[in-house]
Amino acid sequence: MADQTDMKAHESTYHSVLGMLKYGAVGCFLIAAIVIWLISSGHK
């Protein structure tokens, strides 16, 4: 089994990965929304 120091390192890595995924998903959504807006406004 993992000792306590390994669990602390694991939790730290886990929380940083979750943070990157959260902000990455928001960033991808914003980029997709901008691309869709640019494509739709180009057909006047």
PDB file of N, CA and C in Angstrom:
ATOM      1  N   MET A   1       0.828  -1.185   0.000  1.00  0.00           N
ATOM      2  CA  MET A   1       0.000   0.000   0.000  1.00  0.00           C
ATOM      3  C   MET A   1       0.869   1.244   0.000  1.00  0.00           C
ATOM      4  N   ALA A   2       0.265   2.322  -0.455  1.00  0.00           N
ATOM      5  CA  ALA A   2       0.984   3.588  -0.490  1.00  0.00           C
ATOM      6  C   ALA A   2       1.002   4.211   0.901  1.00  0.00           C
ATOM      7  N   ASP A   3       2.123   4.833   1.224  1.00  0.00           N
ATOM      8  CA  ASP A   3       2.155   5.510   2.514  1.00  0.00           C
ATOM      9  C   ASP A   3       1.555   6.913   2.381  1.00  0.00           C
ATOM     10  N   GLN A   4       1.528   7.625   3.484  1.00  0.00           N
ATOM     11  CA  GLN A   4       0.820   8.912   3.535  1.00  0.00           C
ATOM     12  C   GLN A   4       1.459   9.959   2.624  1.00  0.00           C
ATOM     13  N   THR A   5       2.780   9.963   2.492  1.00  0.00           N
ATOM     14  CA  THR A   5       3.411  10.964   1.633  1.00  0.00           C
ATOM     15  C   THR A   5       3.068  10.713   0.161  1.00  0.00           C
ATOM     16  N   ASP A   6       2.946   9.451  -0.228  1.00  0.00           N
ATOM     17  CA  ASP A   6       2.529   9.147  -1.598  1.00  0.00           C
ATOM     18  C   ASP A   6       1.107   9.608  -1.853  1.00  0.00           C
ATOM     19  N   MET A   7       0.240   9.467  -0.855  1.00  0.00           N
ATOM     20  CA  MET A   7      -1.150   9.896  -1.017  1.00  0.00           C
ATOM     21  C   MET A   7      -1.235  11.416  -1.148  1.00  0.00           C
ATOM     22  N   LYS A   8      -0.414  12.144  -0.396  1.00  0.00           N
ATOM     23  CA  LYS A   8      -0.419  13.605  -0.504  1.00  0.00           C
ATOM     24  C   LYS A   8       0.051  14.042  -1.884  1.00  0.00           C
ATOM     25  N   ALA A   9       1.067  13.396  -2.416  1.00  0.00           N
ATOM     26  CA  ALA A   9       1.550  13.716  -3.759  1.00  0.00           C
ATOM     27  C   ALA A   9       0.498  13.363  -4.795  1.00  0.00           C
ATOM     28  N   HIS A  10      -0.156  12.236  -4.601  1.00  0.00           N
ATOM     29  CA  HIS A  10      -1.208  11.814  -5.522  1.00  0.00           C
ATOM     30  C   HIS A  10      -2.366  12.812  -5.517  1.00  0.00           C
ATOM     31  N   GLU A  11      -2.807  13.238  -4.333  1.00  0.00           N
ATOM     32  CA  GLU A  11      -3.912  14.195  -4.244  1.00  0.00           C
ATOM     33  C   GLU A  11      -3.540  15.521  -4.883  1.00  0.00           C
ATOM     34  N   SER A  12      -2.318  15.957  -4.705  1.00  0.00           N
ATOM     35  CA  SER A  12      -1.867  17.208  -5.311  1.00  0.00           C
ATOM     36  C   SER A  12      -1.899  17.113  -6.834  1.00  0.00           C
ATOM     37  N   THR A  13      -1.391  16.017  -7.373  1.00  0.00           N
ATOM     38  CA  THR A  13      -1.404  15.816  -8.819  1.00  0.00           C
ATOM     39  C   THR A  13      -2.826  15.699  -9.341  1.00  0.00           C
ATOM     40  N   TYR A  14      -3.664  14.977  -8.618  1.00  0.00           N
ATOM     41  CA  TYR A  14      -5.056  14.778  -9.016  1.00  0.00           C
ATOM     42  C   TYR A  14      -5.785  16.114  -9.105  1.00  0.00           C
ATOM     43  N   HIS A  15      -5.617  16.966  -8.108  1.00  0.00           N
ATOM     44  CA  HIS A  15      -6.302  18.262  -8.108  1.00  0.00           C
ATOM     45  C   HIS A  15      -5.775  19.181  -9.206  1.00  0.00           C
ATOM     46  N   SER A  16      -4.487  19.125  -9.505  1.00  0.00           N
ATOM     47  CA  SER A  16      -3.959  19.970 -10.571  1.00  0.00           C
ATOM     48  C   SER A  16      -4.446  19.489 -11.937  1.00  0.00           C
ATOM     49  N   VAL A  17      -4.564  18.180 -12.132  1.00  0.00           N
ATOM     50  CA  VAL A  17      -5.080  17.651 -13.392  1.00  0.00           C
ATOM     51  C   VAL A  17      -6.553  18.024 -13.555  1.00  0.00           C
ATOM     52  N   LEU A  18      -7.333  17.923 -12.489  1.00  0.00           N
ATOM     53  CA  LEU A  18      -8.736  18.324 -12.566  1.00  0.00           C
ATOM     54  C   LEU A  18      -8.867  19.807 -12.903  1.00  0.00           C
ATOM     55  N   GLY A  19      -8.008  20.631 -12.337  1.00  0.00           N
ATOM     56  CA  GLY A  19      -8.037  22.060 -12.643  1.00  0.00           C
ATOM     57  C   GLY A  19      -7.714  22.325 -14.103  1.00  0.00           C
ATOM     58  N   MET A  20      -6.712  21.627 -14.635  1.00  0.00           N
ATOM     59  CA  MET A  20      -6.362  21.800 -16.047  1.00  0.00           C
ATOM     60  C   MET A  20      -7.505  21.345 -16.949  1.00  0.00           C
ATOM     61  N   LEU A  21      -8.151  20.238 -16.613  1.00  0.00           N
ATOM     62  CA  LEU A  21      -9.270  19.754 -17.414  1.00  0.00           C
ATOM     63  C   LEU A  21     -10.433  20.736 -17.382  1.00  0.00           C
ATOM     64  N   LYS A  22     -10.700  21.304 -16.213  1.00  0.00           N
ATOM     65  CA  LYS A  22     -11.813  22.240 -16.071  1.00  0.00           C
ATOM     66  C   LYS A  22     -11.576  23.485 -16.923  1.00  0.00           C
ATOM     67  N   TYR A  23     -10.415  24.101 -16.778  1.00  0.00           N
ATOM     68  CA  TYR A  23     -10.129  25.305 -17.548  1.00  0.00           C
ATOM     69  C   TYR A  23      -9.901  25.003 -19.020  1.00  0.00           C
ATOM     70  N   GLY A  24      -9.391  23.835 -19.325  1.00  0.00           N
ATOM     71  CA  GLY A  24      -9.230  23.432 -20.719  1.00  0.00           C
ATOM     72  C   GLY A  24     -10.568  23.260 -21.413  1.00  0.00           C
ATOM     73  N   ALA A  25     -11.542  22.685 -20.713  1.00  0.00           N
ATOM     74  CA  ALA A  25     -12.876  22.510 -21.287  1.00  0.00           C
ATOM     75  C   ALA A  25     -13.529  23.861 -21.536  1.00  0.00           C
ATOM     76  N   VAL A  26     -13.389  24.787 -20.606  1.00  0.00           N
ATOM     77  CA  VAL A  26     -13.948  26.134 -20.786  1.00  0.00           C
ATOM     78  C   VAL A  26     -13.261  26.823 -21.957  1.00  0.00           C
ATOM     79  N   GLY A  27     -11.957  26.690 -22.058  1.00  0.00           N
ATOM     80  CA  GLY A  27     -11.219  27.294 -23.164  1.00  0.00           C
ATOM     81  C   GLY A  27     -11.632  26.725 -24.510  1.00  0.00           C
ATOM     82  N   CYS A  28     -11.799  25.415 -24.590  1.00  0.00           N
ATOM     83  CA  CYS A  28     -12.242  24.789 -25.844  1.00  0.00           C
ATOM     84  C   CYS A  28     -13.637  25.250 -26.220  1.00  0.00           C
ATOM     85  N   PHE A  29     -14.523  25.373 -25.242  1.00  0.00           N
ATOM     86  CA  PHE A  29     -15.875  25.854 -25.506  1.00  0.00           C
ATOM     87  C   PHE A  29     -15.845  27.274 -26.058  1.00  0.00           C
ATOM     88  N   LEU A  30     -15.027  28.136 -25.467  1.00  0.00           N
ATOM     89  CA  LEU A  30     -14.939  29.522 -25.946  1.00  0.00           C
ATOM     90  C   LEU A  30     -14.371  29.586 -27.362  1.00  0.00           C
ATOM     91  N   ILE A  31     -13.348  28.824 -27.640  1.00  0.00           N
ATOM     92  CA  ILE A  31     -12.768  28.812 -28.982  1.00  0.00           C
ATOM     93  C   ILE A  31     -13.780  28.293 -29.994  1.00  0.00           C
ATOM     94  N   ALA A  32     -14.508  27.234 -29.654  1.00  0.00           N
ATOM     95  CA  ALA A  32     -15.521  26.700 -30.559  1.00  0.00           C
ATOM     96  C   ALA A  32     -16.623  27.716 -30.797  1.00  0.00           C
ATOM     97  N   ALA A  33     -17.046  28.433 -29.760  1.00  0.00           N
ATOM     98  CA  ALA A  33     -18.090  29.445 -29.907  1.00  0.00           C
ATOM     99  C   ALA A  33     -17.614  30.581 -30.823  1.00  0.00           C
ATOM    100  N   ILE A  34     -16.362  30.995 -30.681  1.00  0.00           N
ATOM    101  CA  ILE A  34     -15.823  32.059 -31.533  1.00  0.00           C
ATOM    102  C   ILE A  34     -15.746  31.596 -32.983  1.00  0.00           C
ATOM    103  N   VAL A  35     -15.309  30.374 -33.219  1.00  0.00           N
ATOM    104  CA  VAL A  35     -15.222  29.840 -34.584  1.00  0.00           C
ATOM    105  C   VAL A  35     -16.616  29.753 -35.205  1.00  0.00           C
ATOM    106  N   ILE A  36     -17.593  29.273 -34.452  1.00  0.00           N
ATOM    107  CA  ILE A  36     -18.953  29.197 -34.976  1.00  0.00           C
ATOM    108  C   ILE A  36     -19.488  30.595 -35.282  1.00  0.00           C
ATOM    109  N   TRP A  37     -19.215  31.555 -34.414  1.00  0.00           N
ATOM    110  CA  TRP A  37     -19.653  32.934 -34.643  1.00  0.00           C
ATOM    111  C   TRP A  37     -18.992  33.513 -35.888  1.00  0.00           C
ATOM    112  N   LEU A  38     -17.704  33.258 -36.078  1.00  0.00           N
ATOM    113  CA  LEU A  38     -16.999  33.768 -37.247  1.00  0.00           C
ATOM    114  C   LEU A  38     -17.536  33.135 -38.548  1.00  0.00           C
ATOM    115  N   ILE A  39     -17.798  31.848 -38.510  1.00  0.00           N
ATOM    116  CA  ILE A  39     -18.329  31.181 -39.704  1.00  0.00           C
ATOM    117  C   ILE A  39     -19.724  31.699 -40.029  1.00  0.00           C
ATOM    118  N   SER A  40     -20.559  31.858 -39.025  1.00  0.00           N
ATOM    119  CA  SER A  40     -21.942  32.281 -39.280  1.00  0.00           C
ATOM    120  C   SER A  40     -22.016  33.738 -39.694  1.00  0.00           C
ATOM    121  N   SER A  41     -21.121  34.588 -39.234  1.00  0.00           N
ATOM    122  CA  SER A  41     -21.162  35.998 -39.612  1.00  0.00           C
ATOM    123  C   SER A  41     -20.505  36.251 -40.964  1.00  0.00           C
ATOM    124  N   GLY A  42     -19.802  35.287 -41.497  1.00  0.00           N
ATOM    125  CA  GLY A  42     -19.133  35.445 -42.789  1.00  0.00           C
ATOM    126  C   GLY A  42     -20.048  35.260 -43.984  1.00  0.00           C
ATOM    127  N   HIS A  43     -21.248  34.778 -43.786  1.00  0.00           N
ATOM    128  CA  HIS A  43     -22.187  34.500 -44.886  1.00  0.00           C
ATOM    129  C   HIS A  43     -23.260  35.550 -44.950  1.00  0.00           C
ATOM    130  N   LYS A  44     -22.888  36.784 -45.305  1.00  0.00           N
ATOM    131  CA  LYS A  44     -23.887  37.854 -45.386  1.00  0.00           C
ATOM    132  C   LYS A  44     -24.356  38.028 -46.804  1.00  0.00           C
TER     133      LYS A  44
END
